[in-house]
C-alpha atoms as a PDB file:
ATOM      1  CA  UNK A   1     -90.999 -12.140 -24.204  1.00  0.00           C
ATOM      2  CA  UNK A   2     -92.006 -11.155 -27.780  1.00  0.00           C
ATOM      3  CA  UNK A   3     -90.073 -10.455 -30.963  1.00  0.00           C
ATOM      4  CA  UNK A   4     -92.561  -7.851 -32.158  1.00  0.00           C
ATOM      5  CA  UNK A   5     -92.440  -4.164 -31.273  1.00  0.00           C
ATOM      6  CA  UNK A   6     -94.925  -3.083 -28.599  1.00  0.00           C
ATOM      7  CA  UNK A   7     -98.033  -1.074 -29.686  1.00  0.00           C
ATOM      8  CA  UNK A   8     -99.856   0.210 -26.551  1.00  0.00           C
ATOM      9  CA  UNK A   9    -103.505   1.183 -26.997  1.00  0.00           C
ATOM     10  CA  UNK A  10    -103.236   3.351 -23.842  1.00  0.00           C
ATOM     11  CA  UNK A  11    -100.393   4.630 -21.963  1.00  0.00           C
ATOM     12  CA  UNK A  12    -102.478   6.466 -19.372  1.00  0.00           C
ATOM     13  CA  UNK A  13    -101.647   3.911 -16.532  1.00  0.00           C
ATOM     14  CA  UNK A  14     -97.841   3.744 -17.388  1.00  0.00           C
ATOM     15  CA  UNK A  15     -94.799   5.718 -16.472  1.00  0.00           C
ATOM     16  CA  UNK A  16     -92.490   6.007 -19.422  1.00  0.00           C
ATOM     17  CA  UNK A  17     -88.733   6.069 -18.714  1.00  0.00           C
ATOM     18  CA  UNK A  18     -87.138   6.993 -22.086  1.00  0.00           C
ATOM     19  CA  UNK A  19     -83.605   6.523 -23.253  1.00  0.00           C
ATOM     20  CA  UNK A  20     -81.916   9.683 -24.307  1.00  0.00           C
ATOM     21  CA  UNK A  21     -80.999   8.234 -27.711  1.00  0.00           C
ATOM     22  CA  UNK A  22     -81.483   5.088 -29.885  1.00  0.00           C
ATOM     23  CA  UNK A  23     -84.410   2.771 -29.884  1.00  0.00           C
ATOM     24  CA  UNK A  24     -84.146   1.201 -26.356  1.00  0.00           C
ATOM     25  CA  UNK A  25     -86.512   2.179 -23.581  1.00  0.00           C
ATOM     26  CA  UNK A  26     -87.799   1.116 -20.290  1.00  0.00           C
ATOM     27  CA  UNK A  27     -91.395   1.620 -19.216  1.00  0.00           C
ATOM     28  CA  UNK A  28     -92.946   0.757 -15.976  1.00  0.00           C
ATOM     29  CA  UNK A  29     -96.226  -1.169 -16.170  1.00  0.00           C
ATOM     30  CA  UNK A  30     -98.734  -2.500 -13.548  1.00  0.00           C
ATOM     31  CA  UNK A  31     -97.752  -5.723 -11.663  1.00  0.00           C
ATOM     32  CA  UNK A  32     -99.978  -8.717 -11.526  1.00  0.00           C
ATOM     33  CA  UNK A  33    -102.062  -9.149  -8.216  1.00  0.00           C
ATOM     34  CA  UNK A  34    -103.002 -12.656  -6.948  1.00  0.00           C
ATOM     35  CA  UNK A  35    -105.014 -11.338  -4.021  1.00  0.00           C
ATOM     36  CA  UNK A  36    -107.752 -10.011  -6.260  1.00  0.00           C
ATOM     37  CA  UNK A  37    -110.614 -12.017  -7.415  1.00  0.00           C
ATOM     38  CA  UNK A  38    -110.195 -13.070 -10.251  1.00  0.00           C
ATOM     39  CA  UNK A  39    -106.224 -12.922 -10.263  1.00  0.00           C
ATOM     40  CA  UNK A  40    -105.087 -10.056 -12.436  1.00  0.00           C
ATOM     41  CA  UNK A  41    -102.199 -10.425 -14.952  1.00  0.00           C
ATOM     42  CA  UNK A  42     -99.576  -7.683 -15.345  1.00  0.00           C
ATOM     43  CA  UNK A  43     -99.988  -4.925 -17.928  1.00  0.00           C
ATOM     44  CA  UNK A  44     -98.811  -4.876 -20.603  1.00  0.00           C
ATOM     45  CA  UNK A  45     -98.690  -8.566 -20.707  1.00  0.00           C
ATOM     46  CA  UNK A  46     -97.140 -10.973 -23.319  1.00  0.00           C
ATOM     47  CA  UNK A  47     -97.611 -14.564 -24.462  1.00  0.00           C
ATOM     48  CA  UNK A  48     -94.314 -16.282 -23.226  1.00  0.00           C
ATOM     49  CA  UNK A  49     -94.407 -16.289 -19.524  1.00  0.00           C
ATOM     50  CA  UNK A  50     -92.097 -17.752 -16.957  1.00  0.00           C
ATOM     51  CA  UNK A  51     -93.884 -17.396 -13.631  1.00  0.00           C
ATOM     52  CA  UNK A  52     -92.023 -20.083 -11.498  1.00  0.00           C
ATOM     53  CA  UNK A  53     -95.311 -21.611 -10.290  1.00  0.00           C
ATOM     54  CA  UNK A  54     -94.006 -25.139 -10.834  1.00  0.00           C
ATOM     55  CA  UNK A  55     -90.838 -24.945  -8.931  1.00  0.00           C
ATOM     56  CA  UNK A  56     -91.853 -25.162  -5.294  1.00  0.00           C
ATOM     57  CA  UNK A  57     -92.054 -28.773  -4.213  1.00  0.00           C
ATOM     58  CA  UNK A  58     -95.730 -29.889  -3.326  1.00  0.00           C
ATOM     59  CA  UNK A  59     -95.949 -30.427   0.456  1.00  0.00           C
ATOM     60  CA  UNK A  60     -92.705 -28.643   1.368  1.00  0.00           C
ATOM     61  CA  UNK A  61     -93.697 -26.458   4.335  1.00  0.00           C
ATOM     62  CA  UNK A  62     -90.064 -25.815   5.541  1.00  0.00           C
ATOM     63  CA  UNK A  63     -89.358 -22.662   3.703  1.00  0.00           C
ATOM     64  CA  UNK A  64     -90.016 -19.450   5.822  1.00  0.00           C
ATOM     65  CA  UNK A  65     -89.791 -15.916   4.819  1.00  0.00           C
ATOM     66  CA  UNK A  66     -86.378 -15.256   5.988  1.00  0.00           C
ATOM     67  CA  UNK A  67     -85.113 -17.675   3.391  1.00  0.00           C
ATOM     68  CA  UNK A  68     -84.279 -20.676   5.747  1.00  0.00           C
ATOM     69  CA  UNK A  69     -85.295 -23.980   4.410  1.00  0.00           C
ATOM     70  CA  UNK A  70     -86.083 -22.751   0.974  1.00  0.00           C
ATOM     71  CA  UNK A  71     -85.039 -24.804  -2.186  1.00  0.00           C
ATOM     72  CA  UNK A  72     -82.272 -23.328  -4.393  1.00  0.00           C
ATOM     73  CA  UNK A  73     -82.856 -22.497  -7.891  1.00  0.00           C
ATOM     74  CA  UNK A  74     -81.019 -24.001 -10.871  1.00  0.00           C
ATOM     75  CA  UNK A  75     -79.995 -21.165 -13.424  1.00  0.00           C
ATOM     76  CA  UNK A  76     -80.545 -23.445 -16.326  1.00  0.00           C
ATOM     77  CA  UNK A  77     -84.035 -24.358 -15.385  1.00  0.00           C
ATOM     78  CA  UNK A  78     -85.573 -22.528 -18.307  1.00  0.00           C
ATOM     79  CA  UNK A  79     -82.730 -23.170 -20.876  1.00  0.00           C
ATOM     80  CA  UNK A  80     -85.123 -25.085 -23.086  1.00  0.00           C
ATOM     81  CA  UNK A  81     -87.177 -21.965 -23.356  1.00  0.00           C
ATOM     82  CA  UNK A  82     -84.203 -19.874 -24.287  1.00  0.00           C
ATOM     83  CA  UNK A  83     -83.627 -18.215 -20.858  1.00  0.00           C
ATOM     84  CA  UNK A  84     -81.206 -18.599 -18.049  1.00  0.00           C
ATOM     85  CA  UNK A  85     -81.656 -16.564 -14.743  1.00  0.00           C
ATOM     86  CA  UNK A  86     -78.777 -16.217 -12.305  1.00  0.00           C
ATOM     87  CA  UNK A  87     -77.181 -14.371  -9.530  1.00  0.00           C
ATOM     88  CA  UNK A  88     -73.622 -14.604  -7.990  1.00  0.00           C
ATOM     89  CA  UNK A  89     -75.483 -14.799  -4.601  1.00  0.00           C
ATOM     90  CA  UNK A  90     -77.540 -17.754  -5.652  1.00  0.00           C
ATOM     91  CA  UNK A  91     -81.306 -17.663  -5.830  1.00  0.00           C
ATOM     92  CA  UNK A  92     -83.941 -19.212  -3.550  1.00  0.00           C
ATOM     93  CA  UNK A  93     -87.290 -20.542  -4.496  1.00  0.00           C
ATOM     94  CA  UNK A  94     -89.562 -18.485  -2.520  1.00  0.00           C
ATOM     95  CA  UNK A  95     -93.396 -19.288  -2.045  1.00  0.00           C
ATOM     96  CA  UNK A  96     -94.341 -15.672  -1.155  1.00  0.00           C
ATOM     97  CA  UNK A  97     -95.123 -13.933  -4.278  1.00  0.00           C
ATOM     98  CA  UNK A  98     -98.092 -11.441  -4.373  1.00  0.00           C
ATOM     99  CA  UNK A  99     -98.006 -11.132  -8.085  1.00  0.00           C
ATOM    100  CA  UNK A 100     -98.695 -14.441  -9.735  1.00  0.00           C
ATOM    101  CA  UNK A 101    -101.301 -17.125  -9.356  1.00  0.00           C
ATOM    102  CA  UNK A 102     -98.642 -19.670  -8.336  1.00  0.00           C
ATOM    103  CA  UNK A 103     -97.297 -17.323  -5.721  1.00  0.00           C
ATOM    104  CA  UNK A 104     -93.724 -18.413  -6.228  1.00  0.00           C
ATOM    105  CA  UNK A 105     -90.793 -15.948  -6.833  1.00  0.00           C
ATOM    106  CA  UNK A 106     -87.007 -16.137  -7.061  1.00  0.00           C
ATOM    107  CA  UNK A 107     -85.310 -14.355  -4.161  1.00  0.00           C
ATOM    108  CA  UNK A 108     -81.696 -13.005  -4.051  1.00  0.00           C
ATOM    109  CA  UNK A 109     -80.777 -12.603  -0.241  1.00  0.00           C
ATOM    110  CA  UNK A 110     -77.574 -10.792  -1.157  1.00  0.00           C
ATOM    111  CA  UNK A 111     -74.830 -13.150  -0.163  1.00  0.00           C
ATOM    112  CA  UNK A 112     -72.260 -15.262  -1.863  1.00  0.00           C
ATOM    113  CA  UNK A 113     -73.447 -18.273   0.146  1.00  0.00           C
ATOM    114  CA  UNK A 114     -77.273 -18.260   0.522  1.00  0.00           C
ATOM    115  CA  UNK A 115     -77.227 -21.228   3.022  1.00  0.00           C
ATOM    116  CA  UNK A 116     -74.785 -19.259   5.402  1.00  0.00           C
ATOM    117  CA  UNK A 117     -76.686 -16.128   4.788  1.00  0.00           C
ATOM    118  CA  UNK A 118     -80.047 -17.597   6.020  1.00  0.00           C
ATOM    119  CA  UNK A 119     -78.603 -19.407   8.967  1.00  0.00           C
ATOM    120  CA  UNK A 120     -76.042 -16.912  10.279  1.00  0.00           C
ATOM    121  CA  UNK A 121     -77.209 -13.315  11.212  1.00  0.00           C
ATOM    122  CA  UNK A 122     -75.159 -10.618   9.596  1.00  0.00           C
ATOM    123  CA  UNK A 123     -74.014 -12.501   6.549  1.00  0.00           C
ATOM    124  CA  UNK A 124     -76.926 -11.654   4.321  1.00  0.00           C
ATOM    125  CA  UNK A 125     -76.382  -7.924   3.144  1.00  0.00           C
ATOM    126  CA  UNK A 126     -79.565  -7.418   1.058  1.00  0.00           C
ATOM    127  CA  UNK A 127     -77.841  -6.376  -2.200  1.00  0.00           C
ATOM    128  CA  UNK A 128     -78.914  -8.108  -5.201  1.00  0.00           C
ATOM    129  CA  UNK A 129     -77.702  -8.858  -8.839  1.00  0.00           C
ATOM    130  CA  UNK A 130     -80.047 -11.004 -10.898  1.00  0.00           C
ATOM    131  CA  UNK A 131     -79.150 -11.461 -14.650  1.00  0.00           C
ATOM    132  CA  UNK A 132     -81.592 -12.758 -17.269  1.00  0.00           C
ATOM    133  CA  UNK A 133     -79.892 -13.917 -20.379  1.00  0.00           C
ATOM    134  CA  UNK A 134     -81.668 -14.920 -23.596  1.00  0.00           C
ATOM    135  CA  UNK A 135     -80.540 -17.283 -26.341  1.00  0.00           C
ATOM    136  CA  UNK A 136     -82.052 -15.196 -29.064  1.00  0.00           C
ATOM    137  CA  UNK A 137     -82.884 -11.390 -29.471  1.00  0.00           C
ATOM    138  CA  UNK A 138     -86.278 -10.104 -28.606  1.00  0.00           C
ATOM    139  CA  UNK A 139     -88.302  -6.724 -28.890  1.00  0.00           C
ATOM    140  CA  UNK A 140     -89.400  -6.648 -25.353  1.00  0.00           C
ATOM    141  CA  UNK A 141     -88.551  -8.316 -21.962  1.00  0.00           C
ATOM    142  CA  UNK A 142     -90.782  -7.819 -18.918  1.00  0.00           C
ATOM    143  CA  UNK A 143     -90.086  -8.539 -15.355  1.00  0.00           C
ATOM    144  CA  UNK A 144     -92.048  -8.451 -11.958  1.00  0.00           C
ATOM    145  CA  UNK A 145     -90.160  -7.321  -9.028  1.00  0.00           C
ATOM    146  CA  UNK A 146     -90.752  -7.025  -5.086  1.00  0.00           C
ATOM    147  CA  UNK A 147     -89.053  -7.336  -1.711  1.00  0.00           C
ATOM    148  CA  UNK A 148     -87.067  -4.215  -2.218  1.00  0.00           C
ATOM    149  CA  UNK A 149     -84.654  -2.655   0.443  1.00  0.00           C
ATOM    150  CA  UNK A 150     -85.403   0.616   2.020  1.00  0.00           C
ATOM    151  CA  UNK A 151     -84.425   3.093   0.705  1.00  0.00           C
ATOM    152  CA  UNK A 152     -84.692   1.633  -2.820  1.00  0.00           C
ATOM    153  CA  UNK A 153     -81.527   1.542  -4.913  1.00  0.00           C
ATOM    154  CA  UNK A 154     -82.362  -0.249  -8.069  1.00  0.00           C
ATOM    155  CA  UNK A 155     -80.761  -0.222 -11.661  1.00  0.00           C
ATOM    156  CA  UNK A 156     -81.938  -1.967 -14.595  1.00  0.00           C
ATOM    157  CA  UNK A 157     -79.492  -2.563 -17.754  1.00  0.00           C
ATOM    158  CA  UNK A 158     -80.736  -3.805 -20.912  1.00  0.00           C
ATOM    159  CA  UNK A 159     -78.327  -6.266 -22.476  1.00  0.00           C
ATOM    160  CA  UNK A 160     -77.642  -6.803 -26.202  1.00  0.00           C
ATOM    161  CA  UNK A 161     -75.696  -9.552 -27.825  1.00  0.00           C
ATOM    162  CA  UNK A 162     -72.485 -10.657 -25.911  1.00  0.00           C
ATOM    163  CA  UNK A 163     -73.924  -8.929 -22.717  1.00  0.00           C
ATOM    164  CA  UNK A 164     -73.220  -5.481 -24.233  1.00  0.00           C
ATOM    165  CA  UNK A 165     -75.188  -2.962 -22.212  1.00  0.00           C
ATOM    166  CA  UNK A 166     -77.538  -1.185 -24.606  1.00  0.00           C
ATOM    167  CA  UNK A 167     -79.140   1.039 -21.991  1.00  0.00           C
ATOM    168  CA  UNK A 168     -79.028   1.503 -18.183  1.00  0.00           C
ATOM    169  CA  UNK A 169     -81.412   3.373 -15.842  1.00  0.00           C
ATOM    170  CA  UNK A 170     -81.626   4.019 -12.174  1.00  0.00           C
ATOM    171  CA  UNK A 171     -85.488   3.187 -11.521  1.00  0.00           C
ATOM    172  CA  UNK A 172     -85.226   3.850  -7.768  1.00  0.00           C
ATOM    173  CA  UNK A 173     -87.570   6.856  -7.580  1.00  0.00           C
ATOM    174  CA  UNK A 174     -90.103   5.233  -9.935  1.00  0.00           C
ATOM    175  CA  UNK A 175     -90.042   1.967  -7.530  1.00  0.00           C
ATOM    176  CA  UNK A 176     -90.414   4.120  -4.569  1.00  0.00           C
ATOM    177  CA  UNK A 177     -93.555   5.813  -5.960  1.00  0.00           C
ATOM    178  CA  UNK A 178     -95.204   2.768  -7.217  1.00  0.00           C
ATOM    179  CA  UNK A 179     -94.460   0.417  -4.312  1.00  0.00           C
ATOM    180  CA  UNK A 180     -95.585   2.771  -1.461  1.00  0.00           C
ATOM    181  CA  UNK A 181     -98.635   0.647  -0.714  1.00  0.00           C
ATOM    182  CA  UNK A 182     -97.995  -2.669  -2.351  1.00  0.00           C
ATOM    183  CA  UNK A 183     -94.268  -3.347  -2.542  1.00  0.00           C
ATOM    184  CA  UNK A 184     -94.609  -4.719  -6.087  1.00  0.00           C
ATOM    185  CA  UNK A 185     -93.737  -3.283  -9.426  1.00  0.00           C
ATOM    186  CA  UNK A 186     -93.323  -4.243 -13.072  1.00  0.00           C
ATOM    187  CA  UNK A 187     -91.071  -3.138 -15.894  1.00  0.00           C
ATOM    188  CA  UNK A 188     -90.715  -3.673 -19.617  1.00  0.00           C
ATOM    189  CA  UNK A 189     -87.480  -3.221 -21.638  1.00  0.00           C
ATOM    190  CA  UNK A 190     -88.284  -2.641 -25.331  1.00  0.00           C
ATOM    191  CA  UNK A 191     -86.513  -2.145 -28.617  1.00  0.00           C
ATOM    192  CA  UNK A 192     -87.965  -1.475 -32.073  1.00  0.00           C
ATOM    193  CA  UNK A 193     -85.724  -4.234 -33.263  1.00  0.00           C
ATOM    194  CA  UNK A 194     -85.386  -7.634 -31.612  1.00  0.00           C
ATOM    195  CA  UNK A 195     -81.941  -6.790 -30.129  1.00  0.00           C
ATOM    196  CA  UNK A 196     -82.576  -7.374 -26.561  1.00  0.00           C
ATOM    197  CA  UNK A 197     -80.612 -10.574 -25.304  1.00  0.00           C
ATOM    198  CA  UNK A 198     -81.260 -10.041 -21.417  1.00  0.00           C
ATOM    199  CA  UNK A 199     -81.505  -7.793 -18.399  1.00  0.00           C
ATOM    200  CA  UNK A 200     -79.552  -7.123 -15.354  1.00  0.00           C
ATOM    201  CA  UNK A 201     -81.131  -6.188 -12.044  1.00  0.00           C
ATOM    202  CA  UNK A 202     -78.931  -4.586  -9.521  1.00  0.00           C
ATOM    203  CA  UNK A 203     -79.784  -3.424  -5.985  1.00  0.00           C
ATOM    204  CA  UNK A 204     -76.834  -1.768  -4.087  1.00  0.00           C
ATOM    205  CA  UNK A 205     -78.420  -1.015  -0.749  1.00  0.00           C
ATOM    206  CA  UNK A 206     -77.211  -3.094   2.084  1.00  0.00           C
ATOM    207  CA  UNK A 207     -80.013  -4.000   4.501  1.00  0.00           C
ATOM    208  CA  UNK A 208     -79.703  -7.184   6.479  1.00  0.00           C
ATOM    209  CA  UNK A 209     -82.976  -9.319   6.220  1.00  0.00           C
ATOM    210  CA  UNK A 210     -83.933  -7.856   2.908  1.00  0.00           C
ATOM    211  CA  UNK A 211     -83.010  -8.491  -0.696  1.00  0.00           C
ATOM    212  CA  UNK A 212     -84.846  -8.544  -4.082  1.00  0.00           C
ATOM    213  CA  UNK A 213     -87.281 -10.941  -5.634  1.00  0.00           C
ATOM    214  CA  UNK A 214     -88.157 -11.686  -9.294  1.00  0.00           C
ATOM    215  CA  UNK A 215     -91.663 -12.697  -9.391  1.00  0.00           C
ATOM    216  CA  UNK A 216     -91.973 -13.409 -13.349  1.00  0.00           C
ATOM    217  CA  UNK A 217     -90.401 -12.869 -16.661  1.00  0.00           C
ATOM    218  CA  UNK A 218     -92.322 -12.274 -19.858  1.00  0.00           C
END
């Protein structure tokens, strides 16, 4: 997160997704990779990073990759940093990220009751609705995403003051192209003025056993 407008030195490795009018746009960057040596950060990167690395309890080995045994996330965990992250489905703290050094992400399994979803087959539909709200306006807001449904059905909505939608875009085709090999992607919402107060990430495809993961916020 950064209140200054973005100035890119190179756009060769990025896929711009421009708004039809106004100053708001969404660009697709390059996600981080924690399997490389050294670990690579996402591009473009910013100074204020929330990567969830401290959330997973040390020594907790009960969490498995279908969500069972995973701790739940408190939406106000980062309120002191001016950010709340929530989903009507609830979010699970998932130690399976491929993007950050801490390897922790927030997973939305797509159920109004994650505990039921992860213990009872058929109740976890794989849809997702993750909202990031900020206490102040910024000029850019970046997110790392993974664990998409197949086929991908993903929409990003940039939020202004009072949760007004400034711009919304279906990024499904861009995600399909970028994640064919890695299953990871990274987007930046940007405005020439610090008028971005949040981002809503919506996945509408219903696929049992899937969902959507938020790897980091910048």
